[in-house]
Amino acid sequence: MSKKPKKARQQDRPGAAGGTPATVVLAASGVPFTLHSYVHDPAAPSYGEEAAEALGVAPEQVFKTLLAEVDGALTVAVVPVSGALDLKALAAAVGGKRAAMADPAAAERSTGYVRGGISPLGQRKRLRTVVDASAEGRATVCVSAGRRGLEVELAPADLVALTGALVAPIARG
């Protein structure tokens, strides 16, 4: 009598064991990606710039995940760490009139991640997402993989597809 193969459990899949919701989504998606980890310095003035330096890549390749309220609805903005989010451009990209940065506590509650580790992938609630158009000119981009000191590198088209994002020029600087 032959044994039936065991059904793969979530923790048996690559990227799932000890991972984050973002790494679980990535592992399940089948898209190619590379995880990069580094020791996070709590005294670092900028999470994104710290990641770029630790990974040895240009700040224009590392993207930060920010949450804003556009006409009262939480919206995710993914922009290079070398620039800043243009709130008017974000509002226009999603057909809104007014945008303001979201309360950090609301951002953490909605995404399930802590500030400095918010990933655009695997968020608790699926939110409207906009990726800055500068990502399209890169072979890969790095975004948070769901905790401080953990970044994921993937093709911008895969990031857009996995998040259901719009692509628009929403960064300045």
Protein backbone atom coordinates (compact mmCIF):
# COMPACT_ATOMS: atom_id res chain seq x y z
CA MET A 1 0.00 0.00 0.00
CA SER A 2 1.55 3.27 -1.10
CA LYS A 3 1.34 6.37 1.02
CA LYS A 4 -0.35 9.44 -0.34
CA PRO A 5 1.97 12.41 -0.63
CA LYS A 6 1.38 14.95 2.10
CA LYS A 7 -0.34 18.11 1.06
CA ALA A 8 2.11 21.02 1.21
CA ARG A 9 1.42 23.24 4.16
CA GLN A 10 2.04 26.97 4.10
CA GLN A 11 5.17 26.64 6.22
CA ASP A 12 6.56 23.99 3.80
CA ARG A 13 6.61 26.38 0.85
CA PRO A 14 9.74 28.39 0.12
CA GLY A 15 9.62 31.83 1.64
CA ALA A 16 6.80 30.96 4.01
CA ALA A 17 8.63 29.46 6.99
CA GLY A 18 9.52 32.26 9.37
CA GLY A 19 8.61 34.70 6.65
CA THR A 20 6.30 37.64 6.38
CA PRO A 21 2.97 37.96 4.59
CA ALA A 22 4.92 39.59 1.74
CA THR A 23 7.31 36.64 1.36
CA VAL A 24 4.38 34.21 1.49
CA VAL A 25 2.66 36.11 -1.35
CA LEU A 26 5.88 36.14 -3.36
CA ALA A 27 6.55 32.44 -2.85
CA ALA A 28 2.99 31.55 -3.87
CA SER A 29 3.09 33.81 -6.95
CA GLY A 30 5.92 32.05 -8.72
CA VAL A 31 7.54 35.34 -9.79
CA PRO A 32 11.32 35.54 -9.54
CA PHE A 33 12.57 37.57 -6.60
CA THR A 34 15.58 37.91 -4.33
CA LEU A 35 15.41 38.52 -0.60
CA HIS A 36 18.06 40.76 0.94
CA SER A 37 18.48 41.03 4.68
CA TYR A 38 20.66 43.36 6.70
CA VAL A 39 20.99 44.39 10.30
CA HIS A 40 18.65 47.32 10.89
CA ASP A 41 20.06 50.18 12.94
CA PRO A 42 17.26 51.71 15.05
CA ALA A 43 19.19 55.01 15.04
CA ALA A 44 19.17 55.25 11.22
CA PRO A 45 17.50 58.52 10.19
CA SER A 46 15.88 57.00 7.06
CA TYR A 47 14.77 53.38 6.66
CA GLY A 48 14.97 53.57 2.87
CA GLU A 49 18.40 55.19 2.67
CA GLU A 50 19.66 52.69 5.23
CA ALA A 51 18.40 49.85 3.00
CA ALA A 52 20.03 51.31 -0.13
CA GLU A 53 23.35 51.70 1.66
CA ALA A 54 23.19 48.23 3.22
CA LEU A 55 22.35 46.63 -0.14
CA GLY A 56 24.93 48.68 -2.03
CA VAL A 57 22.40 49.95 -4.58
CA ALA A 58 21.40 53.41 -5.74
CA PRO A 59 18.63 55.03 -3.68
CA GLU A 60 16.64 55.38 -6.93
CA GLN A 61 16.34 51.57 -7.04
CA VAL A 62 14.96 51.24 -3.51
CA PHE A 63 11.30 52.19 -3.14
CA LYS A 64 9.49 53.13 0.06
CA THR A 65 5.89 52.27 0.78
CA LEU A 66 3.86 55.19 2.08
CA LEU A 67 0.19 55.43 3.01
CA ALA A 68 -1.90 58.47 2.31
CA GLU A 69 -5.56 59.31 2.60
CA VAL A 70 -7.05 60.37 -0.70
CA ASP A 71 -10.51 61.84 -0.20
CA GLY A 72 -10.69 59.84 3.05
CA ALA A 73 -9.62 56.46 1.57
CA LEU A 74 -6.27 54.90 2.44
CA THR A 75 -4.05 54.63 -0.61
CA VAL A 76 -0.61 53.06 -0.96
CA ALA A 77 2.13 55.02 -2.73
CA VAL A 78 5.40 53.34 -3.73
CA VAL A 79 8.12 55.89 -4.52
CA PRO A 80 11.94 55.93 -4.66
CA VAL A 81 13.64 56.62 -1.33
CA SER A 82 15.67 59.29 -3.12
CA GLY A 83 12.55 61.40 -3.62
CA ALA A 84 9.34 62.41 -1.92
CA LEU A 85 5.69 61.66 -2.53
CA ASP A 86 3.82 64.34 -4.44
CA LEU A 87 0.43 64.24 -2.73
CA LYS A 88 -1.32 66.25 -5.45
CA ALA A 89 -0.01 63.87 -8.12
CA LEU A 90 -1.15 60.87 -6.05
CA ALA A 91 -4.65 62.31 -5.69
CA ALA A 92 -4.82 63.02 -9.43
CA ALA A 93 -3.58 59.50 -10.28
CA VAL A 94 -6.51 57.90 -8.45
CA GLY A 95 -9.10 60.47 -9.49
CA GLY A 96 -9.19 62.19 -6.11
CA LYS A 97 -9.16 65.81 -5.10
CA ARG A 98 -7.24 65.93 -1.83
CA ALA A 99 -4.49 63.79 -0.32
CA ALA A 100 -2.70 63.85 3.02
CA MET A 101 -0.29 61.47 4.67
CA ALA A 102 -2.11 58.80 6.68
CA ASP A 103 -1.84 58.55 10.43
CA PRO A 104 1.03 56.10 11.13
CA ALA A 105 -1.12 54.04 13.51
CA ALA A 106 -3.85 53.73 10.86
CA ALA A 107 -1.23 52.67 8.31
CA GLU A 108 0.08 49.96 10.63
CA ARG A 109 -3.42 48.71 11.50
CA SER A 110 -4.51 48.57 7.88
CA THR A 111 -1.39 46.91 6.46
CA GLY A 112 -0.45 44.66 9.37
CA TYR A 113 3.14 45.91 9.20
CA VAL A 114 5.15 48.31 11.36
CA ARG A 115 6.43 51.65 10.12
CA GLY A 116 9.75 51.17 8.37
CA GLY A 117 8.72 47.65 7.41
CA ILE A 118 5.51 48.30 5.48
CA SER A 119 5.53 46.27 2.29
CA PRO A 120 3.25 46.89 -0.67
CA LEU A 121 2.86 43.09 -0.80
CA GLY A 122 0.78 40.92 1.52
CA GLN A 123 -1.03 43.72 3.29
CA ARG A 124 -3.88 42.84 5.66
CA LYS A 125 -6.34 44.86 3.55
CA ARG A 126 -5.99 45.21 -0.21
CA LEU A 127 -5.67 48.94 -0.77
CA ARG A 128 -5.57 51.02 -3.91
CA THR A 129 -1.87 51.18 -4.85
CA VAL A 130 0.13 53.51 -7.09
CA VAL A 131 3.75 52.82 -8.09
CA ASP A 132 5.85 55.74 -9.29
CA ALA A 133 6.49 55.68 -13.03
CA SER A 134 10.27 55.80 -12.48
CA ALA A 135 10.12 52.11 -11.56
CA GLU A 136 9.35 51.20 -15.16
CA GLY A 137 12.81 52.22 -16.33
CA ARG A 138 14.56 49.74 -14.03
CA ALA A 139 15.33 46.05 -14.45
CA THR A 140 14.52 45.51 -10.76
CA VAL A 141 13.38 47.50 -7.75
CA CYS A 142 13.70 46.80 -4.05
CA VAL A 143 10.79 47.21 -1.62
CA SER A 144 10.29 46.21 1.98
CA ALA A 145 9.60 42.52 2.43
CA GLY A 146 7.55 43.18 5.55
CA ARG A 147 9.99 43.98 8.31
CA ARG A 148 12.83 46.35 9.00
CA GLY A 149 16.06 44.92 7.62
CA LEU A 150 14.40 42.76 4.96
CA GLU A 151 14.02 43.88 1.34
CA VAL A 152 12.78 42.06 -1.73
CA GLU A 153 14.14 42.72 -5.20
CA LEU A 154 11.83 42.02 -8.12
CA ALA A 155 10.87 43.26 -11.57
CA PRO A 156 8.69 46.38 -11.49
CA ALA A 157 6.09 44.69 -13.73
CA ASP A 158 5.78 41.87 -11.17
CA LEU A 159 5.37 44.37 -8.33
CA VAL A 160 2.62 46.14 -10.28
CA ALA A 161 0.88 42.86 -11.13
CA LEU A 162 1.03 41.47 -7.58
CA THR A 163 -0.34 44.66 -6.03
CA GLY A 164 -2.82 45.52 -8.78
CA ALA A 165 -1.17 48.93 -8.88
CA LEU A 166 -1.57 51.87 -11.17
CA VAL A 167 1.67 53.34 -12.51
CA ALA A 168 1.87 57.13 -12.49
CA PRO A 169 4.42 59.90 -11.86
CA ILE A 170 3.80 60.48 -8.14
CA ALA A 171 7.33 61.24 -6.88
CA ARG A 172 9.19 64.51 -6.87
CA GLY A 173 12.86 65.25 -6.34
